[in-house]
Protein backbone atom coordinates (compact mmCIF):
# COMPACT_ATOMS: atom_id res chain seq x y z
CA MET A 1 -12.22 -2.46 -33.39
CA LYS A 2 -10.45 -0.72 -36.23
CA ASN A 3 -11.84 2.65 -37.31
CA SER A 4 -12.31 1.39 -40.88
CA ILE A 5 -14.56 -1.42 -39.65
CA LYS A 6 -16.44 0.84 -37.25
CA THR A 7 -17.14 3.34 -40.03
CA GLU A 8 -18.23 0.62 -42.44
CA LEU A 9 -20.59 -0.99 -39.93
CA GLU A 10 -22.01 2.38 -38.88
CA ASN A 11 -22.74 3.11 -42.54
CA HIS A 12 -24.41 -0.30 -42.82
CA ILE A 13 -26.68 0.58 -39.88
CA LEU A 14 -27.48 3.95 -41.47
CA ASP A 15 -28.37 2.16 -44.71
CA ARG A 16 -30.74 -0.12 -42.77
CA ILE A 17 -32.34 2.97 -41.19
CA ASN A 18 -32.68 4.72 -44.56
CA ASP A 19 -34.16 1.56 -46.10
CA GLY A 20 -36.78 1.41 -43.34
CA VAL A 21 -35.54 -1.95 -42.07
CA ILE A 22 -34.98 -0.71 -38.53
CA THR A 23 -37.55 1.63 -37.03
CA ASN A 24 -38.79 2.87 -33.68
CA GLU A 25 -41.31 0.03 -33.76
CA ASN A 26 -38.66 -2.71 -33.84
CA LYS A 27 -36.12 -1.14 -31.46
CA ASP A 28 -35.52 -4.38 -29.57
CA ASP A 29 -34.49 -6.06 -32.84
CA TRP A 30 -32.22 -3.41 -34.37
CA HIS A 31 -29.11 -5.55 -33.98
CA PHE A 32 -30.88 -8.62 -35.34
CA HIS A 33 -32.13 -6.78 -38.43
CA CYS A 34 -28.71 -5.27 -39.13
CA PHE A 35 -26.38 -8.17 -38.44
CA ASN A 36 -28.25 -11.43 -37.99
CA GLU A 37 -31.20 -11.46 -40.37
CA ASP A 38 -28.94 -11.94 -43.37
CA TYR A 39 -25.25 -12.36 -44.09
CA TYR A 40 -23.20 -9.17 -43.94
CA ILE A 41 -20.68 -10.56 -46.43
CA ILE A 42 -21.62 -13.29 -48.90
CA GLY A 43 -19.01 -15.65 -50.29
CA TYR A 44 -15.65 -16.93 -49.14
CA TYR A 45 -13.72 -14.79 -51.61
CA ASN A 46 -15.56 -11.61 -50.60
CA ALA A 47 -14.96 -12.40 -46.94
CA GLU A 48 -11.25 -12.99 -47.53
CA GLU A 49 -11.02 -9.70 -49.41
CA TRP A 50 -12.86 -7.95 -46.54
CA LEU A 51 -10.26 -9.28 -44.09
CA LYS A 52 -7.47 -8.00 -46.35
CA LYS A 53 -9.20 -4.64 -46.85
CA HIS A 54 -9.26 -4.09 -43.10
CA ASN A 55 -5.78 -5.60 -42.61
CA LEU A 56 -7.05 -8.26 -40.21
CA ASP A 57 -5.18 -11.38 -39.20
CA THR A 58 -7.44 -14.37 -39.77
CA PHE A 59 -6.31 -16.16 -36.62
CA GLU A 60 -6.88 -13.07 -34.46
CA VAL A 61 -10.40 -12.78 -35.86
CA ILE A 62 -11.07 -16.46 -35.15
CA GLU A 63 -9.87 -15.91 -31.58
CA ILE A 64 -12.19 -12.89 -31.13
CA VAL A 65 -15.15 -14.93 -32.37
CA LYS A 66 -14.19 -17.95 -30.29
CA ASN A 67 -13.85 -15.94 -27.07
CA TYR A 68 -17.14 -14.11 -27.68
CA GLU A 69 -19.05 -17.33 -28.28
CA ILE A 70 -17.57 -19.15 -25.30
CA ASP A 71 -18.29 -16.14 -23.04
CA ASN A 72 -21.86 -15.73 -24.31
CA PHE A 73 -22.95 -19.22 -25.35
CA GLY A 74 -20.60 -21.56 -23.49
CA GLU A 75 -19.31 -23.09 -26.73
CA PHE A 76 -17.59 -22.15 -29.97
CA TRP A 77 -20.13 -22.76 -32.74
CA THR A 78 -19.03 -20.81 -35.80
CA TYR A 79 -17.62 -22.81 -38.70
CA ILE A 80 -14.01 -22.02 -39.50
CA ASN A 81 -14.30 -20.46 -42.92
CA SER A 82 -13.85 -16.87 -44.02
CA GLU A 83 -17.54 -16.18 -44.64
CA SER A 84 -18.76 -17.48 -41.28
CA ILE A 85 -15.97 -15.84 -39.29
CA VAL A 86 -16.36 -12.42 -40.96
CA ASN A 87 -20.13 -12.48 -40.51
CA MET A 88 -19.79 -13.36 -36.85
CA LEU A 89 -17.22 -10.59 -36.37
CA ALA A 90 -19.67 -8.12 -37.97
CA TYR A 91 -22.34 -9.45 -35.59
CA ILE A 92 -20.08 -8.91 -32.56
CA TYR A 93 -18.91 -5.44 -33.57
CA GLY A 94 -22.40 -4.44 -34.68
CA GLU A 95 -23.66 -5.37 -31.23
CA LYS A 96 -20.98 -3.17 -29.63
CA ILE A 97 -21.93 -0.24 -31.83
CA ILE A 98 -25.71 -0.45 -31.44
CA TYR A 99 -25.80 -1.23 -27.73
CA GLY A 100 -22.92 1.16 -27.06
CA ILE A 101 -25.03 4.04 -28.32
CA ASN A 102 -28.02 2.97 -26.21
CA ALA A 103 -30.40 5.12 -28.29
CA GLU A 104 -34.06 5.41 -27.36
CA SER A 105 -35.22 6.22 -30.90
CA ILE A 106 -34.16 5.70 -34.48
CA GLU A 107 -33.55 9.45 -34.72
CA GLU A 108 -31.16 9.32 -31.77
CA LEU A 109 -29.39 6.30 -33.22
CA LYS A 110 -29.03 8.01 -36.58
CA GLU A 111 -27.76 11.22 -34.99
CA ASN A 112 -25.10 9.33 -33.01
CA LEU A 113 -23.95 7.43 -36.10
CA GLN A 114 -23.51 10.50 -38.28
């Protein structure tokens, strides 16, 4: 994961903490509330620009998503369009960030993200 993406997604998680979306009470759903409850990027154009901003090759991103889904779900489900692929990539990387920290509290999560 590129540092620019990691930083952006960490800031997104911090925003969700500061907005009160993720709390100690919904610890088991932190990843869901950050990266699955709503789209991370809305619109094909915005998704294409996000890929350019982070200097990502579209086909490499599709391959990351495809491999993740086959490994975890047994099939490749995501539609091949910029919006769906970028949102699934954010989901995958967000999962790595949140579960990689393995925080027991929102305070610990926030501290590790800052």
